[in-house]
Amino acid sequence: MNKFNSLNKTYLEQRKAAHEICRLFSKSPSKGNLKRIKSLFAHSGEAVIIEAGFHYDYGNQITIGDRTFININCTVLDAPISEGTITIGNDCLIGPNVQLLAVSHAVNPTERLNKESFTNPISIGNNVWIGAGAIILAGVSIGDNAVVGAGSVVTKDVAPRCAVAGNPAVKIKDI
């Protein structure tokens, strides 16, 4: 994991601006406000649909492939540095209330006093379905054609063509 200081003045300003864009989109999910949401992404593919309630911290390290659908109230905790990338492939289905959390904090209480954030990328392959309320933690890769069951907490990589569910998520079956 890589660390950064999220209380750095520049990062605070970036987050504030990004949060305002998210707030406007949640209040009025118009095409113009969706365009503002996507404008901060590193890349947004063709025919990407994002429903209201979408929230990110920075946006500039997010890549989304073509024809991906992101349902309501998705939270993406990304980082402003390249180690905090979140990549979502083509043709993905992201259920309501999904959380993609590429940022965390120190477990050690003394270290946590420094207020530093730790980040590790999240990679979601092509044609992945992430069910409602799932949480994907930092450093996780999800292979092509995988399924993450609703309410799951994904702490480890998910193989391609595999269904996982639970807290922590475990393999249910091959697809």
N, C-alpha and C. Protein backbone atom coordinates (compact mmCIF):
# COMPACT_ATOMS: atom_id res chain seq x y z
N MET A 1 0.83 -1.19 0.00
CA MET A 1 0.00 0.00 0.00
C MET A 1 0.87 1.25 0.00
N ASN A 2 0.40 2.24 -0.67
CA ASN A 2 1.08 3.53 -0.73
C ASN A 2 0.31 4.53 0.11
N LYS A 3 1.01 5.53 0.63
CA LYS A 3 0.31 6.47 1.49
C LYS A 3 0.37 7.88 0.93
N PHE A 4 -0.64 8.67 1.33
CA PHE A 4 -0.69 10.08 0.98
C PHE A 4 -1.41 10.80 2.11
N ASN A 5 -1.19 12.09 2.19
CA ASN A 5 -1.82 12.89 3.24
C ASN A 5 -3.06 13.55 2.66
N SER A 6 -4.22 13.01 2.98
CA SER A 6 -5.47 13.53 2.43
C SER A 6 -5.84 14.90 3.00
N LEU A 7 -5.12 15.35 4.05
CA LEU A 7 -5.37 16.66 4.64
C LEU A 7 -4.49 17.75 4.01
N ASN A 8 -3.67 17.36 3.05
CA ASN A 8 -2.88 18.32 2.27
C ASN A 8 -3.84 19.32 1.64
N LYS A 9 -3.48 20.62 1.67
CA LYS A 9 -4.36 21.68 1.20
C LYS A 9 -4.83 21.46 -0.24
N THR A 10 -3.92 21.05 -1.11
CA THR A 10 -4.28 20.81 -2.51
C THR A 10 -5.31 19.69 -2.62
N TYR A 11 -5.11 18.60 -1.87
CA TYR A 11 -6.04 17.48 -1.92
C TYR A 11 -7.40 17.86 -1.33
N LEU A 12 -7.39 18.65 -0.26
CA LEU A 12 -8.65 19.13 0.31
C LEU A 12 -9.44 19.94 -0.71
N GLU A 13 -8.76 20.81 -1.44
CA GLU A 13 -9.42 21.62 -2.46
C GLU A 13 -9.95 20.76 -3.60
N GLN A 14 -9.16 19.77 -4.04
CA GLN A 14 -9.60 18.86 -5.10
C GLN A 14 -10.86 18.10 -4.67
N ARG A 15 -10.84 17.58 -3.44
CA ARG A 15 -11.98 16.83 -2.91
C ARG A 15 -13.22 17.72 -2.81
N LYS A 16 -13.03 18.93 -2.33
CA LYS A 16 -14.16 19.85 -2.19
C LYS A 16 -14.81 20.10 -3.56
N ALA A 17 -13.99 20.34 -4.57
CA ALA A 17 -14.52 20.58 -5.92
C ALA A 17 -15.23 19.34 -6.46
N ALA A 18 -14.63 18.17 -6.27
CA ALA A 18 -15.25 16.92 -6.74
C ALA A 18 -16.55 16.66 -6.00
N HIS A 19 -16.58 16.89 -4.71
CA HIS A 19 -17.81 16.67 -3.93
C HIS A 19 -18.93 17.60 -4.38
N GLU A 20 -18.58 18.81 -4.77
CA GLU A 20 -19.59 19.75 -5.27
C GLU A 20 -20.19 19.24 -6.58
N ILE A 21 -19.36 18.71 -7.46
CA ILE A 21 -19.86 18.13 -8.71
C ILE A 21 -20.80 16.97 -8.41
N CYS A 22 -20.41 16.12 -7.46
CA CYS A 22 -21.25 14.98 -7.07
C CYS A 22 -22.58 15.46 -6.47
N ARG A 23 -22.51 16.49 -5.64
CA ARG A 23 -23.72 17.03 -5.01
C ARG A 23 -24.68 17.55 -6.07
N LEU A 24 -24.17 18.29 -7.04
CA LEU A 24 -25.01 18.82 -8.11
C LEU A 24 -25.65 17.69 -8.92
N PHE A 25 -24.88 16.64 -9.20
CA PHE A 25 -25.42 15.51 -9.95
C PHE A 25 -26.50 14.78 -9.16
N SER A 26 -26.30 14.62 -7.85
CA SER A 26 -27.31 13.96 -7.01
C SER A 26 -28.59 14.77 -6.95
N LYS A 27 -28.44 16.07 -6.88
CA LYS A 27 -29.59 16.96 -6.81
C LYS A 27 -30.34 17.01 -8.14
N SER A 28 -29.58 17.00 -9.23
CA SER A 28 -30.16 17.09 -10.56
C SER A 28 -29.35 16.23 -11.53
N PRO A 29 -29.73 14.94 -11.68
CA PRO A 29 -28.94 14.04 -12.53
C PRO A 29 -29.17 14.28 -14.03
N SER A 30 -28.91 15.50 -14.45
CA SER A 30 -29.08 15.87 -15.85
C SER A 30 -27.87 15.42 -16.68
N LYS A 31 -28.02 15.49 -18.00
CA LYS A 31 -26.90 15.14 -18.88
C LYS A 31 -25.70 16.06 -18.64
N GLY A 32 -25.98 17.33 -18.38
CA GLY A 32 -24.90 18.29 -18.13
C GLY A 32 -24.13 17.96 -16.86
N ASN A 33 -24.86 17.60 -15.79
CA ASN A 33 -24.19 17.25 -14.54
C ASN A 33 -23.48 15.91 -14.64
N LEU A 34 -24.03 14.98 -15.43
CA LEU A 34 -23.33 13.72 -15.68
C LEU A 34 -22.03 13.99 -16.44
N LYS A 35 -22.08 14.90 -17.38
CA LYS A 35 -20.87 15.27 -18.13
C LYS A 35 -19.82 15.83 -17.18
N ARG A 36 -20.23 16.60 -16.18
CA ARG A 36 -19.29 17.13 -15.19
C ARG A 36 -18.67 16.00 -14.37
N ILE A 37 -19.50 15.03 -13.98
CA ILE A 37 -19.00 13.86 -13.23
C ILE A 37 -17.91 13.18 -14.04
N LYS A 38 -18.20 12.88 -15.29
CA LYS A 38 -17.28 12.14 -16.15
C LYS A 38 -16.04 12.96 -16.52
N SER A 39 -16.15 14.29 -16.47
CA SER A 39 -15.03 15.14 -16.90
C SER A 39 -13.79 14.97 -16.03
N LEU A 40 -13.96 14.55 -14.79
CA LEU A 40 -12.81 14.35 -13.92
C LEU A 40 -12.17 12.98 -14.07
N PHE A 41 -12.90 12.02 -14.68
CA PHE A 41 -12.37 10.67 -14.84
C PHE A 41 -11.11 10.68 -15.70
N ALA A 42 -10.21 9.74 -15.44
CA ALA A 42 -9.08 9.52 -16.34
C ALA A 42 -9.60 9.08 -17.70
N HIS A 43 -10.68 8.26 -17.70
CA HIS A 43 -11.32 7.82 -18.94
C HIS A 43 -12.73 7.36 -18.64
N SER A 44 -13.66 7.72 -19.51
CA SER A 44 -15.03 7.21 -19.46
C SER A 44 -15.39 6.73 -20.85
N GLY A 45 -15.71 5.45 -20.95
CA GLY A 45 -16.02 4.85 -22.24
C GLY A 45 -17.34 5.31 -22.82
N GLU A 46 -17.69 4.73 -23.95
CA GLU A 46 -18.94 5.03 -24.64
C GLU A 46 -20.12 4.38 -23.92
N ALA A 47 -21.24 5.08 -23.92
CA ALA A 47 -22.52 4.58 -23.41
C ALA A 47 -22.46 4.16 -21.93
N VAL A 48 -21.65 4.86 -21.13
CA VAL A 48 -21.60 4.62 -19.68
C VAL A 48 -22.81 5.32 -19.05
N ILE A 49 -23.53 4.59 -18.21
CA ILE A 49 -24.68 5.15 -17.51
C ILE A 49 -24.37 5.18 -16.02
N ILE A 50 -24.55 6.34 -15.41
CA ILE A 50 -24.34 6.50 -13.98
C ILE A 50 -25.61 7.12 -13.40
N GLU A 51 -26.21 6.44 -12.45
CA GLU A 51 -27.44 6.93 -11.82
C GLU A 51 -27.12 7.92 -10.70
N ALA A 52 -28.14 8.62 -10.24
CA ALA A 52 -28.00 9.64 -9.19
C ALA A 52 -27.43 9.04 -7.91
N GLY A 53 -26.79 9.89 -7.13
CA GLY A 53 -26.20 9.47 -5.86
C GLY A 53 -24.77 9.00 -6.00
N PHE A 54 -24.18 9.17 -7.17
CA PHE A 54 -22.79 8.76 -7.39
C PHE A 54 -21.87 9.72 -6.64
N HIS A 55 -20.87 9.16 -5.96
CA HIS A 55 -19.96 9.99 -5.18
C HIS A 55 -18.53 9.49 -5.35
N TYR A 56 -17.60 10.40 -5.61
CA TYR A 56 -16.18 10.08 -5.59
C TYR A 56 -15.43 11.18 -4.84
N ASP A 57 -14.17 10.86 -4.47
CA ASP A 57 -13.37 11.85 -3.75
C ASP A 57 -12.56 12.74 -4.68
N TYR A 58 -12.01 12.18 -5.75
CA TYR A 58 -11.16 12.96 -6.65
C TYR A 58 -11.57 12.76 -8.11
N GLY A 59 -11.74 11.53 -8.53
CA GLY A 59 -12.19 11.22 -9.88
C GLY A 59 -11.09 11.04 -10.90
N ASN A 60 -9.95 11.68 -10.71
CA ASN A 60 -8.92 11.69 -11.75
C ASN A 60 -8.18 10.38 -11.93
N GLN A 61 -8.38 9.41 -11.06
CA GLN A 61 -7.75 8.10 -11.19
C GLN A 61 -8.77 7.00 -11.52
N ILE A 62 -9.97 7.41 -11.95
CA ILE A 62 -11.04 6.45 -12.26
C ILE A 62 -11.11 6.24 -13.76
N THR A 63 -11.13 4.97 -14.17
CA THR A 63 -11.28 4.59 -15.57
C THR A 63 -12.47 3.65 -15.69
N ILE A 64 -13.39 3.97 -16.60
CA ILE A 64 -14.58 3.14 -16.81
C ILE A 64 -14.67 2.79 -18.29
N GLY A 65 -14.86 1.51 -18.56
CA GLY A 65 -14.97 1.03 -19.93
C GLY A 65 -16.32 1.29 -20.54
N ASP A 66 -16.50 0.82 -21.74
CA ASP A 66 -17.74 1.03 -22.51
C ASP A 66 -18.92 0.25 -21.93
N ARG A 67 -20.10 0.83 -22.07
CA ARG A 67 -21.39 0.20 -21.77
C ARG A 67 -21.54 -0.28 -20.32
N THR A 68 -20.86 0.36 -19.42
CA THR A 68 -20.97 0.00 -18.00
C THR A 68 -22.12 0.77 -17.38
N PHE A 69 -22.87 0.10 -16.51
CA PHE A 69 -24.01 0.70 -15.82
C PHE A 69 -23.72 0.75 -14.33
N ILE A 70 -23.80 1.95 -13.75
CA ILE A 70 -23.59 2.14 -12.32
C ILE A 70 -24.90 2.62 -11.71
N ASN A 71 -25.48 1.80 -10.85
CA ASN A 71 -26.79 2.09 -10.27
C ASN A 71 -26.67 3.15 -9.17
N ILE A 72 -27.79 3.46 -8.53
CA ILE A 72 -27.88 4.58 -7.58
C ILE A 72 -26.97 4.39 -6.36
N ASN A 73 -26.52 5.53 -5.85
CA ASN A 73 -25.78 5.62 -4.58
C ASN A 73 -24.48 4.83 -4.56
N CYS A 74 -23.73 4.90 -5.62
CA CYS A 74 -22.41 4.26 -5.65
C CYS A 74 -21.39 5.22 -5.04
N THR A 75 -20.56 4.69 -4.13
CA THR A 75 -19.50 5.47 -3.50
C THR A 75 -18.15 4.94 -3.95
N VAL A 76 -17.32 5.83 -4.48
CA VAL A 76 -16.00 5.45 -4.96
C VAL A 76 -14.98 6.30 -4.20
N LEU A 77 -14.26 5.66 -3.27
CA LEU A 77 -13.19 6.36 -2.56
C LEU A 77 -11.89 6.09 -3.30
N ASP A 78 -11.57 7.03 -4.16
CA ASP A 78 -10.35 6.95 -4.95
C ASP A 78 -9.31 7.87 -4.33
N ALA A 79 -8.10 7.80 -4.83
CA ALA A 79 -7.01 8.63 -4.33
C ALA A 79 -6.49 9.50 -5.46
N PRO A 80 -5.85 10.61 -5.12
CA PRO A 80 -5.36 11.51 -6.16
C PRO A 80 -4.04 11.06 -6.77
N ILE A 81 -3.48 9.95 -6.31
CA ILE A 81 -2.20 9.46 -6.81
C ILE A 81 -2.42 8.17 -7.60
N SER A 82 -1.48 7.84 -8.47
CA SER A 82 -1.68 6.72 -9.40
C SER A 82 -1.86 5.38 -8.70
N GLU A 83 -1.38 5.24 -7.49
CA GLU A 83 -1.56 3.98 -6.76
C GLU A 83 -3.00 3.80 -6.28
N GLY A 84 -3.80 4.84 -6.40
CA GLY A 84 -5.19 4.79 -5.96
C GLY A 84 -6.18 4.69 -7.10
N THR A 85 -5.75 4.07 -8.20
CA THR A 85 -6.62 3.96 -9.36
C THR A 85 -7.76 2.99 -9.12
N ILE A 86 -8.86 3.27 -9.77
CA ILE A 86 -10.00 2.36 -9.79
C ILE A 86 -10.36 2.17 -11.25
N THR A 87 -10.24 0.93 -11.72
CA THR A 87 -10.50 0.60 -13.11
C THR A 87 -11.69 -0.33 -13.18
N ILE A 88 -12.68 0.05 -13.98
CA ILE A 88 -13.87 -0.75 -14.20
C ILE A 88 -13.91 -1.05 -15.70
N GLY A 89 -14.04 -2.31 -16.05
CA GLY A 89 -13.99 -2.72 -17.45
C GLY A 89 -15.24 -2.42 -18.25
N ASN A 90 -15.33 -3.02 -19.42
CA ASN A 90 -16.48 -2.89 -20.30
C ASN A 90 -17.64 -3.75 -19.82
N ASP A 91 -18.87 -3.30 -20.07
CA ASP A 91 -20.09 -4.09 -19.89
C ASP A 91 -20.32 -4.54 -18.45
N CYS A 92 -19.87 -3.76 -17.49
CA CYS A 92 -20.07 -4.11 -16.08
C CYS A 92 -21.41 -3.61 -15.58
N LEU A 93 -21.94 -4.31 -14.59
CA LEU A 93 -23.17 -3.92 -13.90
C LEU A 93 -22.80 -3.71 -12.43
N ILE A 94 -22.95 -2.48 -11.95
CA ILE A 94 -22.64 -2.14 -10.57
C ILE A 94 -23.97 -1.85 -9.89
N GLY A 95 -24.35 -2.67 -8.92
CA GLY A 95 -25.64 -2.54 -8.26
C GLY A 95 -25.76 -1.31 -7.38
N PRO A 96 -26.97 -1.07 -6.86
CA PRO A 96 -27.18 0.08 -5.98
C PRO A 96 -26.38 -0.05 -4.68
N ASN A 97 -25.92 1.09 -4.18
CA ASN A 97 -25.23 1.18 -2.89
C ASN A 97 -23.92 0.41 -2.82
N VAL A 98 -23.28 0.21 -3.96
CA VAL A 98 -21.97 -0.44 -3.99
C VAL A 98 -20.91 0.56 -3.56
N GLN A 99 -19.89 0.06 -2.85
CA GLN A 99 -18.77 0.89 -2.42
C GLN A 99 -17.47 0.31 -2.96
N LEU A 100 -16.71 1.15 -3.64
CA LEU A 100 -15.38 0.79 -4.13
C LEU A 100 -14.40 1.63 -3.32
N LEU A 101 -13.65 0.99 -2.42
CA LEU A 101 -12.86 1.71 -1.43
C LEU A 101 -11.37 1.45 -1.61
N ALA A 102 -10.73 2.27 -2.42
CA ALA A 102 -9.29 2.11 -2.68
C ALA A 102 -8.45 2.82 -1.63
N VAL A 103 -9.08 3.44 -0.65
CA VAL A 103 -8.39 4.20 0.39
C VAL A 103 -8.76 3.63 1.76
N SER A 104 -7.76 3.56 2.65
CA SER A 104 -7.99 3.11 4.03
C SER A 104 -7.03 3.86 4.95
N HIS A 105 -7.04 3.49 6.21
CA HIS A 105 -6.21 4.15 7.22
C HIS A 105 -5.43 3.10 8.01
N ALA A 106 -4.44 3.55 8.75
CA ALA A 106 -3.59 2.66 9.53
C ALA A 106 -4.40 1.94 10.61
N VAL A 107 -4.11 0.68 10.82
CA VAL A 107 -4.72 -0.08 11.91
C VAL A 107 -4.08 0.30 13.24
N ASN A 108 -2.78 0.52 13.20
CA ASN A 108 -2.05 0.89 14.41
C ASN A 108 -2.52 2.27 14.88
N PRO A 109 -3.01 2.40 16.14
CA PRO A 109 -3.56 3.67 16.61
C PRO A 109 -2.55 4.81 16.64
N THR A 110 -1.30 4.51 16.91
CA THR A 110 -0.27 5.56 16.92
C THR A 110 -0.05 6.11 15.52
N GLU A 111 0.04 5.21 14.54
CA GLU A 111 0.20 5.63 13.15
C GLU A 111 -1.01 6.39 12.65
N ARG A 112 -2.20 5.98 13.11
CA ARG A 112 -3.44 6.63 12.68
C ARG A 112 -3.49 8.11 13.08
N LEU A 113 -2.77 8.48 14.15
CA LEU A 113 -2.73 9.88 14.59
C LEU A 113 -2.11 10.80 13.53
N ASN A 114 -1.31 10.24 12.62
CA ASN A 114 -0.72 11.02 11.53
C ASN A 114 -1.73 11.42 10.47
N LYS A 115 -2.92 10.81 10.51
CA LYS A 115 -4.02 11.13 9.57
C LYS A 115 -3.67 10.83 8.12
N GLU A 116 -2.68 9.97 7.89
CA GLU A 116 -2.34 9.60 6.53
C GLU A 116 -3.33 8.56 6.01
N SER A 117 -3.52 8.58 4.73
CA SER A 117 -4.37 7.60 4.07
C SER A 117 -3.50 6.64 3.29
N PHE A 118 -3.93 5.40 3.23
CA PHE A 118 -3.24 4.38 2.47
C PHE A 118 -4.10 4.01 1.28
N THR A 119 -3.47 3.72 0.16
CA THR A 119 -4.23 3.41 -1.04
C THR A 119 -3.62 2.25 -1.79
N ASN A 120 -4.48 1.50 -2.43
CA ASN A 120 -4.10 0.38 -3.27
C ASN A 120 -5.16 0.27 -4.36
N PRO A 121 -4.77 0.03 -5.60
CA PRO A 121 -5.75 0.06 -6.69
C PRO A 121 -6.80 -1.03 -6.61
N ILE A 122 -7.93 -0.75 -7.25
CA ILE A 122 -9.00 -1.73 -7.45
C ILE A 122 -9.15 -1.91 -8.95
N SER A 123 -9.22 -3.17 -9.38
CA SER A 123 -9.38 -3.46 -10.81
C SER A 123 -10.56 -4.41 -10.99
N ILE A 124 -11.51 -3.99 -11.80
CA ILE A 124 -12.70 -4.79 -12.08
C ILE A 124 -12.67 -5.10 -13.58
N GLY A 125 -12.70 -6.38 -13.91
CA GLY A 125 -12.59 -6.82 -15.30
C GLY A 125 -13.82 -6.51 -16.13
N ASN A 126 -13.91 -7.11 -17.29
CA ASN A 126 -15.02 -6.92 -18.21
C ASN A 126 -16.20 -7.84 -17.84
N ASN A 127 -17.40 -7.34 -18.07
CA ASN A 127 -18.63 -8.10 -17.89
C ASN A 127 -18.78 -8.65 -16.47
N VAL A 128 -18.42 -7.83 -15.49
CA VAL A 128 -18.54 -8.19 -14.08
C VAL A 128 -19.85 -7.64 -13.55
N TRP A 129 -20.53 -8.42 -12.73
CA TRP A 129 -21.75 -7.97 -12.05
C TRP A 129 -21.44 -7.90 -10.56
N ILE A 130 -21.58 -6.71 -9.99
CA ILE A 130 -21.40 -6.51 -8.55
C ILE A 130 -22.78 -6.20 -7.97
N GLY A 131 -23.27 -7.10 -7.11
CA GLY A 131 -24.61 -6.98 -6.56
C GLY A 131 -24.76 -5.84 -5.57
N ALA A 132 -26.01 -5.51 -5.29
CA ALA A 132 -26.37 -4.39 -4.42
C ALA A 132 -25.67 -4.46 -3.07
N GLY A 133 -25.15 -3.32 -2.63
CA GLY A 133 -24.58 -3.20 -1.30
C GLY A 133 -23.23 -3.86 -1.10
N ALA A 134 -22.62 -4.35 -2.16
CA ALA A 134 -21.30 -4.98 -2.03
C ALA A 134 -20.25 -3.92 -1.75
N ILE A 135 -19.21 -4.35 -1.05
CA ILE A 135 -18.08 -3.48 -0.72
C ILE A 135 -16.81 -4.14 -1.26
N ILE A 136 -16.07 -3.39 -2.08
CA ILE A 136 -14.83 -3.89 -2.66
C ILE A 136 -13.69 -3.09 -2.02
N LEU A 137 -12.77 -3.78 -1.35
CA LEU A 137 -11.71 -3.11 -0.60
C LEU A 137 -10.45 -2.90 -1.44
N ALA A 138 -9.58 -2.03 -0.95
CA ALA A 138 -8.34 -1.66 -1.62
C ALA A 138 -7.50 -2.88 -1.96
N GLY A 139 -6.91 -2.85 -3.15
CA GLY A 139 -6.00 -3.90 -3.57
C GLY A 139 -6.66 -5.10 -4.22
N VAL A 140 -7.97 -5.06 -4.39
CA VAL A 140 -8.71 -6.20 -4.94
C VAL A 140 -8.80 -6.10 -6.46
N SER A 141 -8.61 -7.26 -7.11
CA SER A 141 -8.85 -7.40 -8.54
C SER A 141 -9.97 -8.40 -8.74
N ILE A 142 -10.89 -8.08 -9.62
CA ILE A 142 -12.00 -8.97 -9.93
C ILE A 142 -11.89 -9.33 -11.40
N GLY A 143 -11.80 -10.63 -11.69
CA GLY A 143 -11.58 -11.10 -13.05
C GLY A 143 -12.80 -10.97 -13.94
N ASP A 144 -12.57 -11.08 -15.25
CA ASP A 144 -13.64 -10.99 -16.25
C ASP A 144 -14.75 -11.99 -15.95
N ASN A 145 -15.98 -11.56 -16.21
CA ASN A 145 -17.18 -12.41 -16.14
C ASN A 145 -17.50 -12.92 -14.73
N ALA A 146 -16.93 -12.30 -13.71
CA ALA A 146 -17.19 -12.71 -12.33
C ALA A 146 -18.48 -12.07 -11.82
N VAL A 147 -19.00 -12.64 -10.73
CA VAL A 147 -20.19 -12.12 -10.06
C VAL A 147 -19.87 -11.99 -8.57
N VAL A 148 -20.21 -10.81 -8.01
CA VAL A 148 -20.08 -10.57 -6.57
C VAL A 148 -21.50 -10.45 -6.02
N GLY A 149 -21.85 -11.35 -5.10
CA GLY A 149 -23.20 -11.37 -4.54
C GLY A 149 -23.53 -10.12 -3.73
N ALA A 150 -24.81 -9.80 -3.67
CA ALA A 150 -25.29 -8.63 -2.93
C ALA A 150 -24.83 -8.70 -1.48
N GLY A 151 -24.41 -7.57 -0.95
CA GLY A 151 -24.01 -7.47 0.44
C GLY A 151 -22.65 -8.04 0.77
N SER A 152 -21.91 -8.49 -0.21
CA SER A 152 -20.61 -9.10 0.03
C SER A 152 -19.55 -8.05 0.36
N VAL A 153 -18.55 -8.48 1.13
CA VAL A 153 -17.38 -7.66 1.41
C VAL A 153 -16.19 -8.39 0.80
N VAL A 154 -15.65 -7.81 -0.27
CA VAL A 154 -14.60 -8.47 -1.03
C VAL A 154 -13.24 -7.96 -0.54
N THR A 155 -12.50 -8.86 0.10
CA THR A 155 -11.21 -8.52 0.69
C THR A 155 -10.04 -9.10 -0.08
N LYS A 156 -10.33 -10.06 -0.98
CA LYS A 156 -9.28 -10.73 -1.76
C LYS A 156 -9.70 -10.81 -3.21
N ASP A 157 -8.72 -11.04 -4.08
CA ASP A 157 -8.98 -11.13 -5.51
C ASP A 157 -10.04 -12.18 -5.83
N VAL A 158 -10.79 -11.90 -6.90
CA VAL A 158 -11.82 -12.81 -7.39
C VAL A 158 -11.39 -13.29 -8.77
N ALA A 159 -11.34 -14.60 -8.95
CA ALA A 159 -10.91 -15.18 -10.22
C ALA A 159 -11.95 -14.91 -11.32
N PRO A 160 -11.50 -14.93 -12.58
CA PRO A 160 -12.46 -14.81 -13.68
C PRO A 160 -13.49 -15.94 -13.64
N ARG A 161 -14.70 -15.65 -14.13
CA ARG A 161 -15.79 -16.65 -14.25
C ARG A 161 -16.07 -17.35 -12.92
N CYS A 162 -16.11 -16.57 -11.86
CA CYS A 162 -16.31 -17.10 -10.52
C CYS A 162 -17.37 -16.26 -9.82
N ALA A 163 -18.21 -16.90 -9.02
CA ALA A 163 -19.19 -16.19 -8.20
C ALA A 163 -18.74 -16.25 -6.75
N VAL A 164 -18.73 -15.08 -6.09
CA VAL A 164 -18.38 -15.00 -4.68
C VAL A 164 -19.50 -14.32 -3.92
N ALA A 165 -19.59 -14.62 -2.62
CA ALA A 165 -20.59 -13.96 -1.77
C ALA A 165 -20.18 -14.10 -0.32
N GLY A 166 -20.72 -13.23 0.52
CA GLY A 166 -20.50 -13.32 1.95
C GLY A 166 -19.60 -12.24 2.50
N ASN A 167 -19.37 -12.33 3.81
CA ASN A 167 -18.52 -11.37 4.53
C ASN A 167 -17.60 -12.15 5.45
N PRO A 168 -16.32 -12.30 5.06
CA PRO A 168 -15.74 -11.88 3.79
C PRO A 168 -16.22 -12.77 2.65
N ALA A 169 -16.17 -12.23 1.43
CA ALA A 169 -16.64 -12.98 0.27
C ALA A 169 -15.78 -14.22 0.05
N VAL A 170 -16.46 -15.32 -0.23
CA VAL A 170 -15.79 -16.57 -0.56
C VAL A 170 -16.40 -17.12 -1.85
N LYS A 171 -15.62 -17.98 -2.50
CA LYS A 171 -16.09 -18.56 -3.76
C LYS A 171 -17.30 -19.44 -3.51
N ILE A 172 -18.33 -19.21 -4.31
CA ILE A 172 -19.55 -20.03 -4.26
C ILE A 172 -19.51 -21.09 -5.35
N LYS A 173 -19.12 -20.63 -6.56
CA LYS A 173 -19.05 -21.58 -7.68
C LYS A 173 -18.32 -20.96 -8.86
N ASP A 174 -17.91 -21.80 -9.79
CA ASP A 174 -17.39 -21.34 -11.06
C ASP A 174 -18.58 -21.09 -11.97
N ILE A 175 -18.40 -20.15 -12.89
CA ILE A 175 -19.49 -19.83 -13.83
C ILE A 175 -19.12 -20.37 -15.20
